[in-house]
Amino acid sequence: MDKAHDVLIRNLWEHTALAEEDVAEIRALTFTVRDFAPNEDFIRQGDEPEHSALVVSGMVARYHLLGSGRRQYLAFHLTGDLPDAQGLFIDEMDHGLSALGPASIAFIPHRELFAAFRRRPTLGFAVWRETLLDAAIFREAITNNSARPMQARMAHLFCELFYRARAAQLVRGNRCRMPISLAQLGETLGMAIATVNRTLADLRRSEAMDLRDGELIVLKWRELQRLGDFIPAYLHLKASIGTVTACAPVRGPARAGNNSLPGTSFMKRGRCP
């Protein structure tokens, strides 16, 4: 249970200066943690929400369910995210949330959150900022899917997820978990499965990245960023970001190359009250 509290505190601290009283309020919240299997829903379109979800571990997807039964994936959420903070302010969920790979989700009663917000408005502002950051990602996704060609569209998504994973300290070397199937990539980017395969093959030939066994491997960060026209300002990461070494394309274990990649100093983001 303490892990869930710590995950939420760390996530909110990334963008909001929390006083000791705010941290105490978070630690007093009731968390119910459940484990979910790959592709298992934990919030369905049409639900009347009474709890907010926190991703304690794993990766989850937000999606719209179409009348045909197809899904349009809208966003992906990593450890520390509050993927349905909007549910605090709406009566009926207009989207669903599903685990991608195995995921652990903590559920927090809305009534406890609202009581905590009344006692500590700064905590309410912090959760509100979570919804604003989600909105910024949605806007970029609309631009990505409607205005960029196929290769740039896919490269941009990979850049965003890798950049966010590094902010959440989920990257190991030049790799991060990304249990997204080719079908789910197509349902995210508006591509037929044949186009997904062709576009992924093109990106692999660029030797900028690879997607293998549920892992995204970034081999040439600057090249992947160029291919995706990726400018991360919309993510509002205000750290003094250092650099680490990306990896050169090799067969077998990756070795150091000379491509700069956003570094690990994300805990020093600019914080606002």
Protein backbone atom coordinates (compact mmCIF):
# COMPACT_ATOMS: atom_id res chain seq x y z
CA MET A 1 0.00 0.00 0.00
CA ASP A 2 2.84 2.39 0.81
CA LYS A 3 4.14 1.90 -2.73
CA ALA A 4 0.93 3.31 -4.21
CA HIS A 5 1.10 6.37 -1.94
CA ASP A 6 4.75 6.91 -2.85
CA VAL A 7 4.03 6.58 -6.59
CA LEU A 8 1.31 9.26 -6.41
CA ILE A 9 3.44 11.61 -4.29
CA ARG A 10 6.35 11.33 -6.69
CA ASN A 11 4.15 11.91 -9.72
CA LEU A 12 2.46 15.03 -8.32
CA TRP A 13 5.75 16.36 -7.00
CA GLU A 14 7.01 16.39 -10.59
CA HIS A 15 4.90 19.48 -11.33
CA THR A 16 3.55 20.82 -8.02
CA ALA A 17 5.36 21.79 -4.82
CA LEU A 18 3.65 19.70 -2.14
CA ALA A 19 3.79 20.82 1.48
CA GLU A 20 4.18 18.30 4.27
CA GLU A 21 0.44 18.65 4.93
CA ASP A 22 -0.31 17.72 1.29
CA VAL A 23 1.85 14.63 1.56
CA ALA A 24 0.11 13.70 4.81
CA GLU A 25 -3.28 14.00 3.08
CA ILE A 26 -2.12 11.64 0.31
CA ARG A 27 -0.83 9.12 2.82
CA ALA A 28 -4.21 9.19 4.59
CA LEU A 29 -6.08 8.24 1.40
CA THR A 30 -7.52 4.75 1.08
CA PHE A 31 -6.00 2.82 -1.82
CA THR A 32 -7.41 -0.48 -3.08
CA VAL A 33 -4.82 -2.13 -5.33
CA ARG A 34 -5.75 -4.71 -7.97
CA ASP A 35 -3.68 -6.56 -10.54
CA PHE A 36 -4.95 -6.80 -14.12
CA ALA A 37 -4.05 -9.15 -16.94
CA PRO A 38 -3.02 -7.91 -20.40
CA ASN A 39 -5.96 -6.37 -22.30
CA GLU A 40 -8.23 -6.50 -19.24
CA ASP A 41 -10.51 -3.50 -18.82
CA PHE A 42 -10.69 -1.76 -15.46
CA ILE A 43 -12.92 1.14 -16.53
CA ARG A 44 -15.54 0.80 -19.24
CA GLN A 45 -17.22 3.36 -21.42
CA GLY A 46 -20.54 4.21 -19.75
CA ASP A 47 -19.37 3.49 -16.19
CA GLU A 48 -20.47 5.92 -13.47
CA PRO A 49 -17.17 6.54 -11.71
CA GLU A 50 -16.81 6.51 -7.95
CA HIS A 51 -13.04 5.97 -7.79
CA SER A 52 -9.97 7.42 -9.48
CA ALA A 53 -7.28 5.10 -10.80
CA LEU A 54 -3.53 5.37 -10.28
CA VAL A 55 -1.10 3.28 -12.34
CA VAL A 56 1.16 1.67 -9.74
CA SER A 57 3.02 -0.45 -12.28
CA GLY A 58 2.67 -1.39 -15.92
CA MET A 59 1.17 0.42 -18.87
CA VAL A 60 -2.49 1.13 -19.65
CA ALA A 61 -4.42 2.47 -22.61
CA ARG A 62 -7.33 4.87 -22.91
CA TYR A 63 -9.69 4.07 -25.78
CA HIS A 64 -13.03 4.84 -27.40
CA LEU A 65 -15.22 1.86 -28.24
CA LEU A 66 -16.90 2.29 -31.62
CA GLY A 67 -20.31 0.92 -32.57
CA SER A 68 -18.62 -1.76 -34.68
CA GLY A 69 -16.69 -3.00 -31.64
CA ARG A 70 -13.39 -1.57 -32.90
CA ARG A 71 -11.26 0.51 -30.60
CA GLN A 72 -9.62 3.86 -31.18
CA TYR A 73 -6.74 4.18 -28.72
CA LEU A 74 -6.46 7.76 -27.49
CA ALA A 75 -3.51 7.77 -25.08
CA PHE A 76 -1.17 5.54 -23.12
CA HIS A 77 -0.42 5.89 -19.42
CA LEU A 78 2.65 4.83 -17.45
CA THR A 79 3.50 4.21 -13.81
CA GLY A 80 2.49 7.22 -11.71
CA ASP A 81 -0.22 8.50 -14.06
CA LEU A 82 -3.79 9.23 -12.99
CA PRO A 83 -5.43 8.15 -16.25
CA ASP A 84 -9.03 8.94 -15.29
CA ALA A 85 -8.70 12.07 -13.19
CA GLN A 86 -11.39 13.51 -15.48
CA GLY A 87 -13.78 11.04 -13.88
CA LEU A 88 -13.83 13.27 -10.81
CA PHE A 89 -15.83 15.83 -12.76
CA ILE A 90 -18.11 13.82 -15.07
CA ASP A 91 -21.10 11.59 -14.31
CA GLU A 92 -20.48 8.95 -16.97
CA MET A 93 -17.21 7.77 -18.51
CA ASP A 94 -17.02 8.51 -22.24
CA HIS A 95 -14.01 6.21 -22.73
CA GLY A 96 -12.53 3.02 -21.36
CA LEU A 97 -9.20 2.07 -19.77
CA SER A 98 -7.45 -1.23 -20.26
CA ALA A 99 -4.17 -2.80 -19.13
CA LEU A 100 -1.74 -3.41 -21.99
CA GLY A 101 0.66 -5.79 -20.32
CA PRO A 102 0.22 -6.91 -16.71
CA ALA A 103 -0.60 -3.83 -14.65
CA SER A 104 -1.24 -2.93 -11.02
CA ILE A 105 -3.88 -0.25 -10.45
CA ALA A 106 -4.79 1.54 -7.21
CA PHE A 107 -8.33 2.86 -6.84
CA ILE A 108 -8.99 5.94 -4.68
CA PRO A 109 -12.56 6.84 -3.60
CA HIS A 110 -13.75 10.15 -5.07
CA ARG A 111 -15.33 11.16 -1.77
CA GLU A 112 -11.93 10.97 -0.06
CA LEU A 113 -10.25 12.97 -2.80
CA PHE A 114 -12.86 15.75 -2.67
CA ALA A 115 -12.55 15.94 1.12
CA ALA A 116 -8.76 16.15 0.79
CA PHE A 117 -9.09 18.91 -1.83
CA ARG A 118 -11.25 20.96 0.51
CA ARG A 119 -8.67 20.65 3.27
CA ARG A 120 -5.66 21.13 0.99
CA PRO A 121 -6.52 23.09 -2.20
CA THR A 122 -2.94 22.71 -3.47
CA LEU A 123 -3.57 18.99 -3.76
CA GLY A 124 -6.66 19.70 -5.87
CA PHE A 125 -4.61 22.01 -8.11
CA ALA A 126 -2.04 19.23 -8.59
CA VAL A 127 -4.68 16.75 -9.76
CA TRP A 128 -6.22 19.44 -11.98
CA ARG A 129 -2.81 19.87 -13.62
CA GLU A 130 -2.83 16.14 -14.38
CA THR A 131 -5.97 16.66 -16.50
CA LEU A 132 -4.37 19.65 -18.26
CA LEU A 133 -1.28 17.59 -19.14
CA ASP A 134 -3.58 14.87 -20.52
CA ALA A 135 -5.33 17.49 -22.66
CA ALA A 136 -1.99 18.65 -24.08
CA ILE A 137 -1.16 15.07 -25.07
CA PHE A 138 -4.60 14.68 -26.68
CA ARG A 139 -4.06 17.83 -28.76
CA GLU A 140 -0.71 16.55 -29.98
CA ALA A 141 -2.23 13.15 -30.83
CA ILE A 142 -4.87 14.82 -33.00
CA THR A 143 -2.17 16.77 -34.82
CA ASN A 144 -0.03 13.67 -35.16
CA ASN A 145 -2.76 11.48 -36.67
CA SER A 146 -4.19 14.12 -38.98
CA ALA A 147 -1.18 16.12 -40.19
CA ARG A 148 1.90 13.84 -40.23
CA PRO A 149 2.78 11.15 -42.77
CA MET A 150 2.82 7.54 -41.62
CA GLN A 151 6.49 7.19 -40.71
CA ALA A 152 6.58 10.49 -38.82
CA ARG A 153 3.32 9.54 -37.06
CA MET A 154 4.76 6.31 -35.68
CA ALA A 155 8.17 7.80 -34.85
CA HIS A 156 6.49 10.63 -32.94
CA LEU A 157 4.49 8.19 -30.80
CA PHE A 158 7.63 6.22 -29.97
CA CYS A 159 9.49 9.43 -29.09
CA GLU A 160 6.71 10.58 -26.77
CA LEU A 161 6.43 7.29 -24.92
CA PHE A 162 10.18 6.93 -24.51
CA TYR A 163 10.52 10.53 -23.31
CA ARG A 164 7.73 10.09 -20.77
CA ALA A 165 9.12 6.74 -19.63
CA ARG A 166 12.47 8.39 -18.96
CA ALA A 167 10.72 11.10 -16.92
CA ALA A 168 9.09 8.36 -14.86
CA GLN A 169 12.48 6.61 -14.45
CA LEU A 170 11.24 3.55 -16.35
CA VAL A 171 14.03 3.47 -18.96
CA ARG A 172 16.91 1.05 -18.56
CA GLY A 173 19.81 2.06 -20.78
CA ASN A 174 18.13 2.63 -24.12
CA ARG A 175 15.11 0.37 -23.51
CA CYS A 176 11.65 0.66 -22.01
CA ARG A 177 8.72 -1.71 -21.77
CA MET A 178 6.10 -1.13 -24.44
CA PRO A 179 3.67 -4.06 -24.61
CA ILE A 180 1.72 -2.67 -27.58
CA SER A 181 0.67 -5.10 -30.30
CA LEU A 182 0.83 -4.24 -33.99
CA ALA A 183 -2.97 -4.23 -34.09
CA GLN A 184 -3.05 -1.74 -31.20
CA LEU A 185 -0.49 0.45 -32.97
CA GLY A 186 -2.81 0.52 -35.96
CA GLU A 187 -5.81 1.38 -33.78
CA THR A 188 -3.78 4.21 -32.24
CA LEU A 189 -2.33 5.72 -35.39
CA GLY A 190 -5.19 5.13 -37.84
CA MET A 191 -3.25 2.59 -39.91
CA ALA A 192 -4.18 -0.73 -41.45
CA ILE A 193 -2.08 -3.63 -40.18
CA ALA A 194 -0.19 -3.84 -43.50
CA THR A 195 0.71 -0.16 -43.16
CA VAL A 196 1.84 -0.71 -39.58
CA ASN A 197 4.18 -3.50 -40.70
CA ARG A 198 5.55 -1.47 -43.60
CA THR A 199 6.06 1.67 -41.50
CA LEU A 200 7.73 -0.24 -38.66
CA ALA A 201 10.05 -1.90 -41.19
CA ASP A 202 10.98 1.54 -42.57
CA LEU A 203 11.83 2.79 -39.08
CA ARG A 204 13.91 -0.29 -38.38
CA ARG A 205 15.85 0.29 -41.62
CA SER A 206 16.64 3.80 -40.40
CA GLU A 207 18.46 2.10 -37.48
CA ALA A 208 16.95 4.69 -35.14
CA MET A 209 14.84 2.23 -33.14
CA ASP A 210 13.51 -1.28 -32.80
CA LEU A 211 10.39 -2.76 -31.22
CA ARG A 212 10.99 -6.29 -30.03
CA ASP A 213 9.43 -8.62 -27.43
CA GLY A 214 7.37 -5.83 -25.87
CA GLU A 215 10.32 -3.43 -25.60
CA LEU A 216 11.06 -0.17 -27.40
CA ILE A 217 14.79 0.14 -28.11
CA VAL A 218 16.06 3.59 -29.07
CA LEU A 219 19.33 3.34 -30.99
CA LYS A 220 19.65 6.88 -32.41
CA TRP A 221 17.59 9.34 -30.42
CA ARG A 222 18.28 12.41 -32.54
CA GLU A 223 17.42 10.54 -35.73
CA LEU A 224 14.18 9.18 -34.25
CA GLN A 225 13.31 12.67 -33.02
CA ARG A 226 13.96 14.09 -36.50
CA LEU A 227 11.88 11.41 -38.19
CA GLY A 228 8.98 12.05 -35.83
CA ASP A 229 9.18 15.84 -35.88
CA PHE A 230 9.15 15.47 -32.10
CA ILE A 231 9.37 18.67 -30.05
CA PRO A 232 8.59 17.72 -26.43
CA ALA A 233 7.50 21.15 -25.18
CA TYR A 234 3.84 20.03 -25.12
CA LEU A 235 4.72 17.52 -22.38
CA HIS A 236 5.62 20.44 -20.09
CA LEU A 237 8.66 18.76 -18.57
CA LYS A 238 10.40 21.69 -16.92
CA ALA A 239 13.53 19.92 -15.76
CA SER A 240 17.02 21.11 -16.32
CA ILE A 241 17.51 18.10 -18.58
CA GLY A 242 20.97 16.63 -18.91
CA THR A 243 22.12 14.11 -21.48
CA VAL A 244 22.96 10.49 -21.46
CA THR A 245 24.37 8.32 -24.17
CA ALA A 246 22.07 6.59 -26.61
CA CYS A 247 23.15 3.43 -28.38
CA ALA A 248 24.45 2.73 -31.82
CA PRO A 249 22.73 0.05 -33.90
CA VAL A 250 24.41 -3.30 -33.43
CA ARG A 251 23.57 -6.95 -33.65
CA GLY A 252 23.34 -8.29 -30.12
CA PRO A 253 24.00 -6.21 -26.96
CA ALA A 254 23.94 -2.49 -27.69
CA ARG A 255 27.12 -0.48 -27.32
CA ALA A 256 27.60 3.20 -26.62
CA GLY A 257 27.20 5.64 -29.47
CA ASN A 258 27.15 9.42 -29.67
CA ASN A 259 23.48 10.37 -29.86
CA SER A 260 22.27 12.64 -27.09
CA LEU A 261 19.11 11.66 -25.29
CA PRO A 262 17.14 13.54 -22.63
CA GLY A 263 18.69 12.64 -19.31
CA THR A 264 17.60 11.55 -15.91
CA SER A 265 17.40 14.84 -14.03
CA PHE A 266 13.61 14.96 -14.19
CA MET A 267 13.15 15.25 -10.44
CA LYS A 268 14.32 18.85 -10.77
CA ARG A 269 11.36 20.02 -12.82
CA GLY A 270 10.19 23.53 -12.25
CA ARG A 271 7.51 23.30 -9.59
CA CYS A 272 4.66 25.70 -9.02
CA PRO A 273 2.59 26.15 -5.87
